[in-house]
Amino acid sequence: MITISRTMATTGERFAGAVRFAHECAAYIKSKTGVDFKVEVPVGGNPMRFRWIAQLESLSAFEQMNAKLLSDPKYMDMVAKTTQHVLPGTSLDEIWQNT
């Protein structure tokens, strides 16, 4: 089992829209791949961040999910719209293995 996450930062005036957009992306990904991403915001630290987080069975499942999404035109349009909501250079992707 692995846990994957993508964390991004935004600004105060964009925060609500960014979180709504994150939920829209998570719902779309679930409809296309079955992977249930949760959207989270921090309780402490920099409050202008949000992340998507999900658990998958293996790295192979992650690769299969990515292959489906990267070939999906609507998903790629959503990726392009990310720039409207986040600060450049703030994306942090992590893959953790459950022990």
PDB file of N, CA and C in Angstrom:
ATOM      1  N   MET A   1       0.851  -1.171   0.000  1.00  0.00           N
ATOM      2  CA  MET A   1       0.000   0.000   0.000  1.00  0.00           C
ATOM      3  C   MET A   1       0.898   1.236   0.000  1.00  0.00           C
ATOM      4  N   ILE A   2       0.539   2.209  -0.825  1.00  0.00           N
ATOM      5  CA  ILE A   2       1.258   3.476  -0.848  1.00  0.00           C
ATOM      6  C   ILE A   2       0.278   4.624  -0.638  1.00  0.00           C
ATOM      7  N   THR A   3       0.801   5.721  -0.129  1.00  0.00           N
ATOM      8  CA  THR A   3       0.032   6.954   0.023  1.00  0.00           C
ATOM      9  C   THR A   3       0.685   7.996  -0.869  1.00  0.00           C
ATOM     10  N   ILE A   4      -0.119   8.654  -1.692  1.00  0.00           N
ATOM     11  CA  ILE A   4       0.397   9.707  -2.565  1.00  0.00           C
ATOM     12  C   ILE A   4      -0.260  11.023  -2.191  1.00  0.00           C
ATOM     13  N   SER A   5       0.513  12.095  -2.315  1.00  0.00           N
ATOM     14  CA  SER A   5      -0.066  13.408  -2.047  1.00  0.00           C
ATOM     15  C   SER A   5       0.581  14.461  -2.932  1.00  0.00           C
ATOM     16  N   ARG A   6      -0.180  15.482  -3.195  1.00  0.00           N
ATOM     17  CA  ARG A   6       0.308  16.682  -3.896  1.00  0.00           C
ATOM     18  C   ARG A   6      -0.172  17.877  -3.094  1.00  0.00           C
ATOM     19  N   THR A   7       0.792  18.664  -2.611  1.00  0.00           N
ATOM     20  CA  THR A   7       0.500  19.855  -1.824  1.00  0.00           C
ATOM     21  C   THR A   7       0.823  21.087  -2.655  1.00  0.00           C
ATOM     22  N   MET A   8      -0.039  22.087  -2.586  1.00  0.00           N
ATOM     23  CA  MET A   8       0.172  23.341  -3.298  1.00  0.00           C
ATOM     24  C   MET A   8      -0.204  24.508  -2.393  1.00  0.00           C
ATOM     25  N   ALA A   9       0.334  25.662  -2.702  1.00  0.00           N
ATOM     26  CA  ALA A   9       0.027  26.873  -1.932  1.00  0.00           C
ATOM     27  C   ALA A   9      -0.686  27.880  -2.828  1.00  0.00           C
ATOM     28  N   THR A  10      -1.478  28.712  -2.198  1.00  0.00           N
ATOM     29  CA  THR A  10      -2.226  29.738  -2.913  1.00  0.00           C
ATOM     30  C   THR A  10      -2.163  31.036  -2.111  1.00  0.00           C
ATOM     31  N   THR A  11      -2.964  31.992  -2.475  1.00  0.00           N
ATOM     32  CA  THR A  11      -3.015  33.252  -1.740  1.00  0.00           C
ATOM     33  C   THR A  11      -4.396  33.382  -1.091  1.00  0.00           C
ATOM     34  N   GLY A  12      -4.504  34.320  -0.160  1.00  0.00           N
ATOM     35  CA  GLY A  12      -5.757  34.505   0.559  1.00  0.00           C
ATOM     36  C   GLY A  12      -6.956  34.728  -0.326  1.00  0.00           C
ATOM     37  N   GLU A  13      -6.806  35.584  -1.341  1.00  0.00           N
ATOM     38  CA  GLU A  13      -7.950  35.879  -2.209  1.00  0.00           C
ATOM     39  C   GLU A  13      -8.292  34.721  -3.142  1.00  0.00           C
ATOM     40  N   ARG A  14      -7.378  33.793  -3.347  1.00  0.00           N
ATOM     41  CA  ARG A  14      -7.627  32.643  -4.211  1.00  0.00           C
ATOM     42  C   ARG A  14      -7.970  31.372  -3.438  1.00  0.00           C
ATOM     43  N   PHE A  15      -7.861  31.407  -2.115  1.00  0.00           N
ATOM     44  CA  PHE A  15      -7.945  30.184  -1.324  1.00  0.00           C
ATOM     45  C   PHE A  15      -9.257  29.426  -1.526  1.00  0.00           C
ATOM     46  N   ALA A  16     -10.387  30.089  -1.366  1.00  0.00           N
ATOM     47  CA  ALA A  16     -11.683  29.406  -1.475  1.00  0.00           C
ATOM     48  C   ALA A  16     -11.851  28.785  -2.862  1.00  0.00           C
ATOM     49  N   GLY A  17     -11.493  29.522  -3.905  1.00  0.00           N
ATOM     50  CA  GLY A  17     -11.590  28.986  -5.261  1.00  0.00           C
ATOM     51  C   GLY A  17     -10.648  27.822  -5.483  1.00  0.00           C
ATOM     52  N   ALA A  18      -9.471  27.889  -4.887  1.00  0.00           N
ATOM     53  CA  ALA A  18      -8.491  26.807  -5.028  1.00  0.00           C
ATOM     54  C   ALA A  18      -9.003  25.522  -4.382  1.00  0.00           C
ATOM     55  N   VAL A  19      -9.605  25.645  -3.223  1.00  0.00           N
ATOM     56  CA  VAL A  19     -10.125  24.464  -2.532  1.00  0.00           C
ATOM     57  C   VAL A  19     -11.318  23.880  -3.301  1.00  0.00           C
ATOM     58  N   ARG A  20     -12.191  24.742  -3.817  1.00  0.00           N
ATOM     59  CA  ARG A  20     -13.301  24.244  -4.652  1.00  0.00           C
ATOM     60  C   ARG A  20     -12.760  23.507  -5.869  1.00  0.00           C
ATOM     61  N   PHE A  21     -11.756  24.099  -6.518  1.00  0.00           N
ATOM     62  CA  PHE A  21     -11.138  23.479  -7.682  1.00  0.00           C
ATOM     63  C   PHE A  21     -10.522  22.124  -7.311  1.00  0.00           C
ATOM     64  N   ALA A  22      -9.869  22.043  -6.155  1.00  0.00           N
ATOM     65  CA  ALA A  22      -9.266  20.786  -5.700  1.00  0.00           C
ATOM     66  C   ALA A  22     -10.328  19.699  -5.545  1.00  0.00           C
ATOM     67  N   HIS A  23     -11.486  20.068  -4.995  1.00  0.00           N
ATOM     68  CA  HIS A  23     -12.575  19.097  -4.848  1.00  0.00           C
ATOM     69  C   HIS A  23     -13.123  18.663  -6.213  1.00  0.00           C
ATOM     70  N   GLU A  24     -13.218  19.595  -7.154  1.00  0.00           N
ATOM     71  CA  GLU A  24     -13.672  19.256  -8.507  1.00  0.00           C
ATOM     72  C   GLU A  24     -12.705  18.262  -9.156  1.00  0.00           C
ATOM     73  N   CYS A  25     -11.416  18.519  -9.011  1.00  0.00           N
ATOM     74  CA  CYS A  25     -10.403  17.617  -9.575  1.00  0.00           C
ATOM     75  C   CYS A  25     -10.502  16.235  -8.939  1.00  0.00           C
ATOM     76  N   ALA A  26     -10.632  16.189  -7.615  1.00  0.00           N
ATOM     77  CA  ALA A  26     -10.723  14.907  -6.914  1.00  0.00           C
ATOM     78  C   ALA A  26     -11.937  14.107  -7.390  1.00  0.00           C
ATOM     79  N   ALA A  27     -13.070  14.778  -7.555  1.00  0.00           N
ATOM     80  CA  ALA A  27     -14.278  14.094  -8.023  1.00  0.00           C
ATOM     81  C   ALA A  27     -14.088  13.568  -9.443  1.00  0.00           C
ATOM     82  N   TYR A  28     -13.450  14.365 -10.290  1.00  0.00           N
ATOM     83  CA  TYR A  28     -13.229  13.927 -11.671  1.00  0.00           C
ATOM     84  C   TYR A  28     -12.292  12.725 -11.708  1.00  0.00           C
ATOM     85  N   ILE A  29     -11.215  12.778 -10.937  1.00  0.00           N
ATOM     86  CA  ILE A  29     -10.265  11.664 -10.909  1.00  0.00           C
ATOM     87  C   ILE A  29     -10.965  10.389 -10.430  1.00  0.00           C
ATOM     88  N   LYS A  30     -11.803  10.509  -9.419  1.00  0.00           N
ATOM     89  CA  LYS A  30     -12.531   9.327  -8.930  1.00  0.00           C
ATOM     90  C   LYS A  30     -13.458   8.772 -10.011  1.00  0.00           C
ATOM     91  N   SER A  31     -14.124   9.655 -10.752  1.00  0.00           N
ATOM     92  CA  SER A  31     -15.042   9.184 -11.797  1.00  0.00           C
ATOM     93  C   SER A  31     -14.312   8.475 -12.929  1.00  0.00           C
ATOM     94  N   LYS A  32     -13.070   8.858 -13.184  1.00  0.00           N
ATOM     95  CA  LYS A  32     -12.309   8.270 -14.287  1.00  0.00           C
ATOM     96  C   LYS A  32     -11.460   7.075 -13.874  1.00  0.00           C
ATOM     97  N   THR A  33     -10.993   7.064 -12.619  1.00  0.00           N
ATOM     98  CA  THR A  33     -10.034   6.024 -12.212  1.00  0.00           C
ATOM     99  C   THR A  33     -10.502   5.187 -11.023  1.00  0.00           C
ATOM    100  N   GLY A  34     -11.494   5.674 -10.287  1.00  0.00           N
ATOM    101  CA  GLY A  34     -11.925   4.987  -9.085  1.00  0.00           C
ATOM    102  C   GLY A  34     -11.093   5.309  -7.859  1.00  0.00           C
ATOM    103  N   VAL A  35     -10.037   6.117  -8.030  1.00  0.00           N
ATOM    104  CA  VAL A  35      -9.171   6.473  -6.904  1.00  0.00           C
ATOM    105  C   VAL A  35      -9.807   7.634  -6.146  1.00  0.00           C
ATOM    106  N   ASP A  36      -9.961   7.444  -4.833  1.00  0.00           N
ATOM    107  CA  ASP A  36     -10.658   8.405  -3.984  1.00  0.00           C
ATOM    108  C   ASP A  36      -9.659   9.360  -3.320  1.00  0.00           C
ATOM    109  N   PHE A  37      -9.423  10.494  -3.947  1.00  0.00           N
ATOM    110  CA  PHE A  37      -8.552  11.515  -3.371  1.00  0.00           C
ATOM    111  C   PHE A  37      -9.339  12.351  -2.377  1.00  0.00           C
ATOM    112  N   LYS A  38      -8.727  12.629  -1.256  1.00  0.00           N
ATOM    113  CA  LYS A  38      -9.286  13.544  -0.269  1.00  0.00           C
ATOM    114  C   LYS A  38      -8.586  14.885  -0.436  1.00  0.00           C
ATOM    115  N   VAL A  39      -9.275  15.960  -0.113  1.00  0.00           N
ATOM    116  CA  VAL A  39      -8.686  17.298  -0.126  1.00  0.00           C
ATOM    117  C   VAL A  39      -8.531  17.719   1.325  1.00  0.00           C
ATOM    118  N   GLU A  40      -7.325  18.147   1.681  1.00  0.00           N
ATOM    119  CA  GLU A  40      -7.044  18.548   3.054  1.00  0.00           C
ATOM    120  C   GLU A  40      -6.414  19.928   3.090  1.00  0.00           C
ATOM    121  N   VAL A  41      -6.629  20.615   4.201  1.00  0.00           N
ATOM    122  CA  VAL A  41      -5.966  21.900   4.472  1.00  0.00           C
ATOM    123  C   VAL A  41      -5.304  21.783   5.845  1.00  0.00           C
ATOM    124  N   PRO A  42      -4.205  22.514   6.064  1.00  0.00           N
ATOM    125  CA  PRO A  42      -3.484  22.367   7.328  1.00  0.00           C
ATOM    126  C   PRO A  42      -4.199  23.047   8.492  1.00  0.00           C
ATOM    127  N   VAL A  43      -3.988  22.494   9.664  1.00  0.00           N
ATOM    128  CA  VAL A  43      -4.505  23.094  10.890  1.00  0.00           C
ATOM    129  C   VAL A  43      -3.481  24.085  11.437  1.00  0.00           C
ATOM    130  N   GLY A  44      -2.202  23.829  11.196  1.00  0.00           N
ATOM    131  CA  GLY A  44      -1.124  24.706  11.638  1.00  0.00           C
ATOM    132  C   GLY A  44      -0.182  25.005  10.480  1.00  0.00           C
ATOM    133  N   GLY A  45       0.790  25.837  10.726  1.00  0.00           N
ATOM    134  CA  GLY A  45       1.728  26.208   9.665  1.00  0.00           C
ATOM    135  C   GLY A  45       1.097  27.193   8.698  1.00  0.00           C
ATOM    136  N   ASN A  46       1.555  27.179   7.477  1.00  0.00           N
ATOM    137  CA  ASN A  46       1.036  28.062   6.435  1.00  0.00           C
ATOM    138  C   ASN A  46      -0.403  27.680   6.105  1.00  0.00           C
ATOM    139  N   PRO A  47      -1.379  28.523   6.415  1.00  0.00           N
ATOM    140  CA  PRO A  47      -2.776  28.161   6.189  1.00  0.00           C
ATOM    141  C   PRO A  47      -3.210  28.251   4.720  1.00  0.00           C
ATOM    142  N   MET A  48      -2.390  28.782   3.856  1.00  0.00           N
ATOM    143  CA  MET A  48      -2.763  28.969   2.456  1.00  0.00           C
ATOM    144  C   MET A  48      -2.322  27.777   1.588  1.00  0.00           C
ATOM    145  N   ARG A  49      -2.350  26.598   2.164  1.00  0.00           N
ATOM    146  CA  ARG A  49      -1.999  25.387   1.434  1.00  0.00           C
ATOM    147  C   ARG A  49      -3.192  24.441   1.395  1.00  0.00           C
ATOM    148  N   PHE A  50      -3.161  23.542   0.435  1.00  0.00           N
ATOM    149  CA  PHE A  50      -4.127  22.447   0.353  1.00  0.00           C
ATOM    150  C   PHE A  50      -3.418  21.280  -0.296  1.00  0.00           C
ATOM    151  N   ARG A  51      -3.981  20.087  -0.100  1.00  0.00           N
ATOM    152  CA  ARG A  51      -3.379  18.926  -0.758  1.00  0.00           C
ATOM    153  C   ARG A  51      -4.433  17.904  -1.105  1.00  0.00           C
ATOM    154  N   TRP A  52      -4.069  17.118  -2.109  1.00  0.00           N
ATOM    155  CA  TRP A  52      -4.816  15.928  -2.469  1.00  0.00           C
ATOM    156  C   TRP A  52      -4.048  14.755  -1.876  1.00  0.00           C
ATOM    157  N   ILE A  53      -4.755  13.780  -1.327  1.00  0.00           N
ATOM    158  CA  ILE A  53      -4.088  12.614  -0.760  1.00  0.00           C
ATOM    159  C   ILE A  53      -4.952  11.379  -1.010  1.00  0.00           C
ATOM    160  N   ALA A  54      -4.294  10.274  -1.361  1.00  0.00           N
ATOM    161  CA  ALA A  54      -5.013   9.029  -1.635  1.00  0.00           C
ATOM    162  C   ALA A  54      -4.110   7.847  -1.333  1.00  0.00           C
ATOM    163  N   GLN A  55      -4.739   6.707  -1.140  1.00  0.00           N
ATOM    164  CA  GLN A  55      -3.991   5.472  -0.962  1.00  0.00           C
ATOM    165  C   GLN A  55      -4.271   4.550  -2.134  1.00  0.00           C
ATOM    166  N   LEU A  56      -3.210   3.907  -2.593  1.00  0.00           N
ATOM    167  CA  LEU A  56      -3.304   2.953  -3.688  1.00  0.00           C
ATOM    168  C   LEU A  56      -2.613   1.658  -3.266  1.00  0.00           C
ATOM    169  N   GLU A  57      -2.947   0.577  -3.934  1.00  0.00           N
ATOM    170  CA  GLU A  57      -2.385  -0.725  -3.580  1.00  0.00           C
ATOM    171  C   GLU A  57      -0.887  -0.825  -3.844  1.00  0.00           C
ATOM    172  N   SER A  58      -0.399  -0.152  -4.910  1.00  0.00           N
ATOM    173  CA  SER A  58       1.004  -0.339  -5.292  1.00  0.00           C
ATOM    174  C   SER A  58       1.459   0.785  -6.213  1.00  0.00           C
ATOM    175  N   LEU A  59       2.759   0.820  -6.470  1.00  0.00           N
ATOM    176  CA  LEU A  59       3.282   1.768  -7.455  1.00  0.00           C
ATOM    177  C   LEU A  59       2.729   1.471  -8.845  1.00  0.00           C
ATOM    178  N   SER A  60       2.499   0.202  -9.126  1.00  0.00           N
ATOM    179  CA  SER A  60       1.905  -0.173 -10.407  1.00  0.00           C
ATOM    180  C   SER A  60       0.510   0.438 -10.566  1.00  0.00           C
ATOM    181  N   ALA A  61      -0.282   0.416  -9.508  1.00  0.00           N
ATOM    182  CA  ALA A  61      -1.621   1.038  -9.548  1.00  0.00           C
ATOM    183  C   ALA A  61      -1.500   2.541  -9.771  1.00  0.00           C
ATOM    184  N   PHE A  62      -0.497   3.158  -9.159  1.00  0.00           N
ATOM    185  CA  PHE A  62      -0.236   4.588  -9.356  1.00  0.00           C
ATOM    186  C   PHE A  62       0.100   4.872 -10.816  1.00  0.00           C
ATOM    187  N   GLU A  63       0.963   4.043 -11.398  1.00  0.00           N
ATOM    188  CA  GLU A  63       1.339   4.220 -12.810  1.00  0.00           C
ATOM    189  C   GLU A  63       0.131   4.052 -13.725  1.00  0.00           C
ATOM    190  N   GLN A  64      -0.725   3.094 -13.432  1.00  0.00           N
ATOM    191  CA  GLN A  64      -1.931   2.885 -14.244  1.00  0.00           C
ATOM    192  C   GLN A  64      -2.869   4.079 -14.150  1.00  0.00           C
ATOM    193  N   MET A  65      -3.038   4.617 -12.937  1.00  0.00           N
ATOM    194  CA  MET A  65      -3.876   5.793 -12.756  1.00  0.00           C
ATOM    195  C   MET A  65      -3.318   6.964 -13.563  1.00  0.00           C
ATOM    196  N   ASN A  66      -2.009   7.190 -13.441  1.00  0.00           N
ATOM    197  CA  ASN A  66      -1.370   8.280 -14.170  1.00  0.00           C
ATOM    198  C   ASN A  66      -1.535   8.126 -15.675  1.00  0.00           C
ATOM    199  N   ALA A  67      -1.360   6.922 -16.192  1.00  0.00           N
ATOM    200  CA  ALA A  67      -1.497   6.689 -17.634  1.00  0.00           C
ATOM    201  C   ALA A  67      -2.901   7.057 -18.108  1.00  0.00           C
ATOM    202  N   LYS A  68      -3.927   6.674 -17.339  1.00  0.00           N
ATOM    203  CA  LYS A  68      -5.313   7.022 -17.702  1.00  0.00           C
ATOM    204  C   LYS A  68      -5.500   8.535 -17.721  1.00  0.00           C
ATOM    205  N   LEU A  69      -5.002   9.195 -16.679  1.00  0.00           N
ATOM    206  CA  LEU A  69      -5.224  10.634 -16.564  1.00  0.00           C
ATOM    207  C   LEU A  69      -4.453  11.429 -17.612  1.00  0.00           C
ATOM    208  N   LEU A  70      -3.216  11.051 -17.852  1.00  0.00           N
ATOM    209  CA  LEU A  70      -2.401  11.811 -18.803  1.00  0.00           C
ATOM    210  C   LEU A  70      -2.896  11.682 -20.241  1.00  0.00           C
ATOM    211  N   SER A  71      -3.710  10.677 -20.508  1.00  0.00           N
ATOM    212  CA  SER A  71      -4.288  10.538 -21.853  1.00  0.00           C
ATOM    213  C   SER A  71      -5.709  11.091 -21.936  1.00  0.00           C
ATOM    214  N   ASP A  72      -6.177  11.704 -20.856  1.00  0.00           N
ATOM    215  CA  ASP A  72      -7.536  12.232 -20.789  1.00  0.00           C
ATOM    216  C   ASP A  72      -7.523  13.743 -21.054  1.00  0.00           C
ATOM    217  N   PRO A  73      -8.111  14.201 -22.169  1.00  0.00           N
ATOM    218  CA  PRO A  73      -8.075  15.629 -22.510  1.00  0.00           C
ATOM    219  C   PRO A  73      -8.698  16.538 -21.444  1.00  0.00           C
ATOM    220  N   LYS A  74      -9.814  16.126 -20.843  1.00  0.00           N
ATOM    221  CA  LYS A  74     -10.449  16.975 -19.822  1.00  0.00           C
ATOM    222  C   LYS A  74      -9.536  17.109 -18.605  1.00  0.00           C
ATOM    223  N   TYR A  75      -8.909  16.028 -18.188  1.00  0.00           N
ATOM    224  CA  TYR A  75      -7.986  16.103 -17.055  1.00  0.00           C
ATOM    225  C   TYR A  75      -6.831  17.047 -17.371  1.00  0.00           C
ATOM    226  N   MET A  76      -6.297  16.960 -18.583  1.00  0.00           N
ATOM    227  CA  MET A  76      -5.178  17.832 -18.964  1.00  0.00           C
ATOM    228  C   MET A  76      -5.617  19.294 -18.980  1.00  0.00           C
ATOM    229  N   ASP A  77      -6.863  19.574 -19.359  1.00  0.00           N
ATOM    230  CA  ASP A  77      -7.394  20.939 -19.266  1.00  0.00           C
ATOM    231  C   ASP A  77      -7.452  21.403 -17.812  1.00  0.00           C
ATOM    232  N   MET A  78      -7.828  20.497 -16.919  1.00  0.00           N
ATOM    233  CA  MET A  78      -7.877  20.844 -15.493  1.00  0.00           C
ATOM    234  C   MET A  78      -6.475  21.156 -14.978  1.00  0.00           C
ATOM    235  N   VAL A  79      -5.508  20.372 -15.399  1.00  0.00           N
ATOM    236  CA  VAL A  79      -4.121  20.626 -14.990  1.00  0.00           C
ATOM    237  C   VAL A  79      -3.688  22.017 -15.435  1.00  0.00           C
ATOM    238  N   ALA A  80      -4.031  22.388 -16.660  1.00  0.00           N
ATOM    239  CA  ALA A  80      -3.668  23.712 -17.174  1.00  0.00           C
ATOM    240  C   ALA A  80      -4.320  24.825 -16.347  1.00  0.00           C
ATOM    241  N   LYS A  81      -5.528  24.596 -15.859  1.00  0.00           N
ATOM    242  CA  LYS A  81      -6.239  25.612 -15.069  1.00  0.00           C
ATOM    243  C   LYS A  81      -5.685  25.751 -13.653  1.00  0.00           C
ATOM    244  N   THR A  82      -4.860  24.824 -13.241  1.00  0.00           N
ATOM    245  CA  THR A  82      -4.270  24.889 -11.900  1.00  0.00           C
ATOM    246  C   THR A  82      -3.540  26.210 -11.692  1.00  0.00           C
ATOM    247  N   THR A  83      -2.935  26.748 -12.742  1.00  0.00           N
ATOM    248  CA  THR A  83      -2.157  27.982 -12.623  1.00  0.00           C
ATOM    249  C   THR A  83      -3.013  29.168 -12.183  1.00  0.00           C
ATOM    250  N   GLN A  84      -4.325  29.087 -12.385  1.00  0.00           N
ATOM    251  CA  GLN A  84      -5.224  30.161 -11.951  1.00  0.00           C
ATOM    252  C   GLN A  84      -5.403  30.177 -10.432  1.00  0.00           C
ATOM    253  N   HIS A  85      -5.047  29.071  -9.782  1.00  0.00           N
ATOM    254  CA  HIS A  85      -5.357  28.919  -8.367  1.00  0.00           C
ATOM    255  C   HIS A  85      -4.146  28.837  -7.443  1.00  0.00           C
ATOM    256  N   VAL A  86      -2.990  28.477  -7.976  1.00  0.00           N
ATOM    257  CA  VAL A  86      -1.843  28.216  -7.091  1.00  0.00           C
ATOM    258  C   VAL A  86      -0.664  29.127  -7.414  1.00  0.00           C
ATOM    259  N   LEU A  87       0.240  29.209  -6.454  1.00  0.00           N
ATOM    260  CA  LEU A  87       1.472  29.971  -6.650  1.00  0.00           C
ATOM    261  C   LEU A  87       2.491  29.103  -7.384  1.00  0.00           C
ATOM    262  N   PRO A  88       3.149  29.650  -8.394  1.00  0.00           N
ATOM    263  CA  PRO A  88       4.145  28.867  -9.134  1.00  0.00           C
ATOM    264  C   PRO A  88       5.245  28.355  -8.200  1.00  0.00           C
ATOM    265  N   GLY A  89       5.669  27.138  -8.466  1.00  0.00           N
ATOM    266  CA  GLY A  89       6.785  26.563  -7.721  1.00  0.00           C
ATOM    267  C   GLY A  89       6.441  26.032  -6.347  1.00  0.00           C
ATOM    268  N   THR A  90       5.149  25.945  -6.010  1.00  0.00           N
ATOM    269  CA  THR A  90       4.788  25.489  -4.659  1.00  0.00           C
ATOM    270  C   THR A  90       4.299  24.053  -4.619  1.00  0.00           C
ATOM    271  N   SER A  91       4.337  23.353  -5.739  1.00  0.00           N
ATOM    272  CA  SER A  91       3.847  21.978  -5.774  1.00  0.00           C
ATOM    273  C   SER A  91       4.860  21.033  -5.131  1.00  0.00           C
ATOM    274  N   LEU A  92       4.376  20.193  -4.245  1.00  0.00           N
ATOM    275  CA  LEU A  92       5.206  19.175  -3.606  1.00  0.00           C
ATOM    276  C   LEU A  92       4.498  17.844  -3.715  1.00  0.00           C
ATOM    277  N   ASP A  93       5.095  16.912  -4.451  1.00  0.00           N
ATOM    278  CA  ASP A  93       4.540  15.581  -4.611  1.00  0.00           C
ATOM    279  C   ASP A  93       5.306  14.606  -3.717  1.00  0.00           C
ATOM    280  N   GLU A  94       4.568  13.743  -3.042  1.00  0.00           N
ATOM    281  CA  GLU A  94       5.194  12.735  -2.181  1.00  0.00           C
ATOM    282  C   GLU A  94       4.513  11.391  -2.382  1.00  0.00           C
ATOM    283  N   ILE A  95       5.324  10.336  -2.313  1.00  0.00           N
ATOM    284  CA  ILE A  95       4.829   8.967  -2.344  1.00  0.00           C
ATOM    285  C   ILE A  95       5.428   8.279  -1.121  1.00  0.00           C
ATOM    286  N   TRP A  96       4.575   7.760  -0.272  1.00  0.00           N
ATOM    287  CA  TRP A  96       4.997   7.094   0.958  1.00  0.00           C
ATOM    288  C   TRP A  96       4.556   5.631   0.913  1.00  0.00           C
ATOM    289  N   GLN A  97       5.400   4.768   1.423  1.00  0.00           N
ATOM    290  CA  GLN A  97       5.061   3.349   1.514  1.00  0.00           C
ATOM    291  C   GLN A  97       4.576   3.053   2.926  1.00  0.00           C
ATOM    292  N   ASN A  98       3.425   2.385   3.016  1.00  0.00           N
ATOM    293  CA  ASN A  98       2.893   2.001   4.322  1.00  0.00           C
ATOM    294  C   ASN A  98       3.718   0.850   4.882  1.00  0.00           C
ATOM    295  N   THR A  99       3.946   0.873   6.179  1.00  0.00           N
ATOM    296  CA  THR A  99       4.722  -0.213   6.808  1.00  0.00           C
ATOM    297  C   THR A  99       3.871  -0.964   7.801  1.00  0.00           C
TER     298      THR A  99
END
